[in-house]
Amino acid sequence: MEKENFYQRNIKPQLKKGMDEIRHPGNHPKTTALSIAIGLFIGIAIPMGFQVWAMAALLLIFHYNLVIASFVSLISNPFTILPIYYVILSLGEFILGVNFPWELFYNFLEEPGMDKILAFGTRGISVFFTGSIVIAVLVAVPSYFIAIKAITRMHDRKNLISEKV
C-alpha cells in the first residue's frame, strides 16, 4: 500500500511530466507541429545519411522536439525511398526541363558510394534538390497546419475531460 502511494504521488507524475515534455516541449502545440513539419521536410528534402546533421543544424535555429522530428523523418526509409526519389527526380526533371542521368542512378543503387553521387554532376544534383525541396515544402507546410489543429483539438478534448472529472 505504501509503495503504491509512493508511486502514485512521486513517480507517476514525474513520468507523465517527462512524456508530456517529449510529446509537447514546453507543452505548446506549435512546437510539436513545427517538429512534425521539420521532420517531414528533412525526411524528404535531405538524402538519407545526412538527415541527422540537418536536424542538428536546424535545432540551433528553431526550438523544436528532436525526438518527434527524428521519428517523422523516417518517412524516408528503405521501403519508401525508391518511390519518393522517383517522384522527386521526375518533378525535378519537369521543373528544370533537363534529363536526369537515370543510368547513373541505377548504377548507384547497385553499388552505393560517394564517388557515384559525385558522378551525377551538377545537373543530376540540381534535379534532385529542386524536386526534393518542392515536394518537401508541399508536404511540410500543410502538415504543420494539420498537426497544430489536431494537437489543439487533442489538448482541448483532454482539458474538457479533466474538467468533467
Protein backbone atom coordinates (compact mmCIF):
# COMPACT_ATOMS: atom_id res chain seq x y z
CA MET A 1 0.00 0.00 0.00
CA GLU A 2 2.77 2.42 0.96
CA LYS A 3 4.73 1.57 -2.22
CA GLU A 4 1.63 2.16 -4.35
CA ASN A 5 1.04 5.57 -2.74
CA PHE A 6 4.70 6.48 -3.21
CA TYR A 7 4.40 5.54 -6.89
CA GLN A 8 1.15 7.50 -7.33
CA ARG A 9 2.47 10.59 -5.51
CA ASN A 10 6.08 10.78 -6.70
CA ILE A 11 6.93 8.59 -9.65
CA LYS A 12 3.80 8.64 -11.82
CA PRO A 13 3.58 12.48 -12.01
CA GLN A 14 7.26 12.68 -12.98
CA LEU A 15 6.82 10.04 -15.70
CA LYS A 16 3.75 11.85 -17.02
CA LYS A 17 5.61 15.17 -17.00
CA GLY A 18 8.54 13.60 -18.88
CA MET A 19 6.26 12.05 -21.52
CA ASP A 20 4.39 15.34 -21.95
CA GLU A 21 7.70 17.14 -22.44
CA ILE A 22 8.75 14.64 -25.12
CA ARG A 23 5.42 14.94 -26.92
CA HIS A 24 4.98 18.67 -26.41
CA PRO A 25 8.12 20.58 -25.32
CA GLY A 26 7.03 23.49 -23.21
CA ASN A 27 3.57 21.90 -23.57
CA HIS A 28 2.94 24.03 -26.63
CA PRO A 29 1.16 22.59 -29.70
CA LYS A 30 3.04 24.92 -32.06
CA THR A 31 6.35 23.36 -31.06
CA THR A 32 5.04 19.86 -31.69
CA ALA A 33 3.55 20.87 -35.05
CA LEU A 34 6.85 22.52 -36.02
CA SER A 35 8.68 19.33 -35.04
CA ILE A 36 6.43 17.28 -37.32
CA ALA A 37 6.85 19.71 -40.23
CA ILE A 38 10.64 19.85 -39.82
CA GLY A 39 10.85 16.05 -39.63
CA LEU A 40 8.84 15.68 -42.83
CA PHE A 41 10.83 18.39 -44.61
CA ILE A 42 14.17 16.84 -43.70
CA GLY A 43 12.93 13.31 -44.36
CA ILE A 44 12.07 14.28 -47.92
CA ALA A 45 14.48 17.10 -48.85
CA ILE A 46 17.70 15.73 -47.39
CA PRO A 47 19.22 12.48 -48.65
CA MET A 48 19.37 9.59 -46.20
CA GLY A 49 22.61 9.67 -44.24
CA PHE A 50 22.65 13.46 -43.98
CA GLN A 51 19.33 13.89 -42.18
CA VAL A 52 20.72 13.75 -38.64
CA TRP A 53 23.20 16.52 -39.44
CA ALA A 54 20.48 18.66 -40.96
CA MET A 55 18.29 18.20 -37.87
CA ALA A 56 21.16 19.14 -35.58
CA ALA A 57 21.80 22.31 -37.60
CA LEU A 58 18.11 23.28 -37.56
CA LEU A 59 17.96 22.66 -33.82
CA LEU A 60 20.39 25.57 -33.44
CA ILE A 61 17.93 27.85 -35.25
CA PHE A 62 14.49 26.58 -34.15
CA HIS A 63 13.19 25.33 -30.83
CA TYR A 64 11.58 22.01 -31.68
CA ASN A 65 11.34 18.47 -30.40
CA LEU A 66 14.20 16.46 -31.88
CA VAL A 67 12.62 13.13 -30.89
CA ILE A 68 9.41 13.84 -32.80
CA ALA A 69 11.25 15.29 -35.80
CA SER A 70 13.57 12.28 -35.95
CA PHE A 71 10.66 9.86 -35.79
CA VAL A 72 8.73 11.69 -38.51
CA SER A 73 11.81 11.93 -40.75
CA LEU A 74 11.61 8.16 -41.04
CA ILE A 75 9.15 8.80 -43.86
CA SER A 76 12.22 8.10 -45.98
CA ASN A 77 13.29 4.58 -45.14
CA PRO A 78 14.49 1.57 -47.15
CA PHE A 79 10.88 0.68 -48.03
CA THR A 80 9.73 4.11 -49.17
CA ILE A 81 12.87 5.75 -50.51
CA LEU A 82 12.68 4.48 -54.10
CA PRO A 83 9.14 5.76 -54.76
CA ILE A 84 9.96 9.05 -53.02
CA TYR A 85 13.14 9.51 -55.05
CA TYR A 86 11.34 8.60 -58.29
CA VAL A 87 8.75 11.34 -57.68
CA ILE A 88 11.44 13.81 -56.62
CA LEU A 89 13.61 13.16 -59.68
CA SER A 90 10.67 13.21 -62.08
CA LEU A 91 9.45 16.53 -60.68
CA GLY A 92 12.98 17.97 -60.78
CA GLU A 93 13.27 16.96 -64.45
CA PHE A 94 9.93 18.57 -65.21
CA ILE A 95 10.68 21.85 -63.41
CA LEU A 96 14.22 22.27 -64.79
CA GLY A 97 13.46 20.82 -68.22
CA VAL A 98 16.56 18.63 -68.18
CA ASN A 99 17.04 14.88 -68.14
CA PHE A 100 18.31 13.15 -65.04
CA PRO A 101 21.10 10.61 -65.61
CA TRP A 102 18.99 7.57 -64.70
CA GLU A 103 21.70 5.10 -65.74
CA LEU A 104 23.97 6.57 -63.06
CA PHE A 105 21.12 6.26 -60.56
CA TYR A 106 20.66 2.55 -61.32
CA ASN A 107 24.42 2.11 -61.05
CA PHE A 108 24.34 3.87 -57.68
CA LEU A 109 21.56 1.55 -56.45
CA GLU A 110 23.67 -1.49 -57.28
CA GLU A 111 26.76 -0.17 -55.52
CA PRO A 112 26.24 3.00 -53.44
CA GLY A 113 29.15 5.30 -52.72
CA MET A 114 30.16 8.94 -52.55
CA ASP A 115 32.01 8.67 -55.87
CA LYS A 116 28.76 7.53 -57.51
CA ILE A 117 26.91 10.51 -56.02
CA LEU A 118 29.53 12.88 -57.39
CA ALA A 119 29.16 11.22 -60.80
CA PHE A 120 25.65 12.69 -61.05
CA GLY A 121 27.29 16.07 -61.54
CA THR A 122 25.66 19.43 -61.03
CA ARG A 123 22.82 18.59 -63.41
CA GLY A 124 21.79 15.45 -61.52
CA ILE A 125 22.23 17.02 -58.09
CA SER A 126 20.27 20.13 -59.10
CA VAL A 127 17.45 17.94 -60.46
CA PHE A 128 17.37 16.02 -57.16
CA PHE A 129 17.38 19.06 -54.88
CA THR A 130 14.90 21.02 -56.99
CA GLY A 131 12.40 18.18 -56.84
CA SER A 132 13.09 17.32 -53.21
CA ILE A 133 12.71 20.87 -51.91
CA VAL A 134 9.46 21.44 -53.83
CA ILE A 135 7.96 18.15 -52.60
CA ALA A 136 9.23 18.75 -49.05
CA VAL A 137 7.63 22.20 -48.89
CA LEU A 138 4.37 20.87 -50.39
CA VAL A 139 4.26 18.20 -47.67
CA ALA A 140 5.72 20.04 -44.66
CA VAL A 141 3.76 23.30 -44.79
CA PRO A 142 0.28 21.72 -44.79
CA SER A 143 1.43 19.15 -42.22
CA TYR A 144 2.25 21.98 -39.81
CA PHE A 145 -1.28 23.39 -40.01
CA ILE A 146 -2.93 19.96 -39.89
CA ALA A 147 -0.80 18.96 -36.89
CA ILE A 148 -1.44 22.17 -34.98
CA LYS A 149 -5.19 21.80 -35.50
CA ALA A 150 -5.15 18.12 -34.45
CA ILE A 151 -2.92 18.73 -31.42
CA THR A 152 -5.01 21.70 -30.29
CA ARG A 153 -8.16 19.57 -30.54
CA MET A 154 -6.48 16.80 -28.52
CA HIS A 155 -5.49 19.32 -25.84
CA ASP A 156 -8.97 20.84 -25.78
CA ARG A 157 -10.60 17.40 -25.51
CA LYS A 158 -8.16 16.37 -22.77
CA ASN A 159 -8.88 19.57 -20.83
CA LEU A 160 -12.63 19.10 -21.27
CA ILE A 161 -12.44 15.53 -19.97
CA SER A 162 -10.26 16.54 -17.00
CA GLU A 163 -12.71 19.36 -16.13
CA LYS A 164 -15.63 16.91 -16.06
CA VAL A 165 -13.79 14.58 -13.68
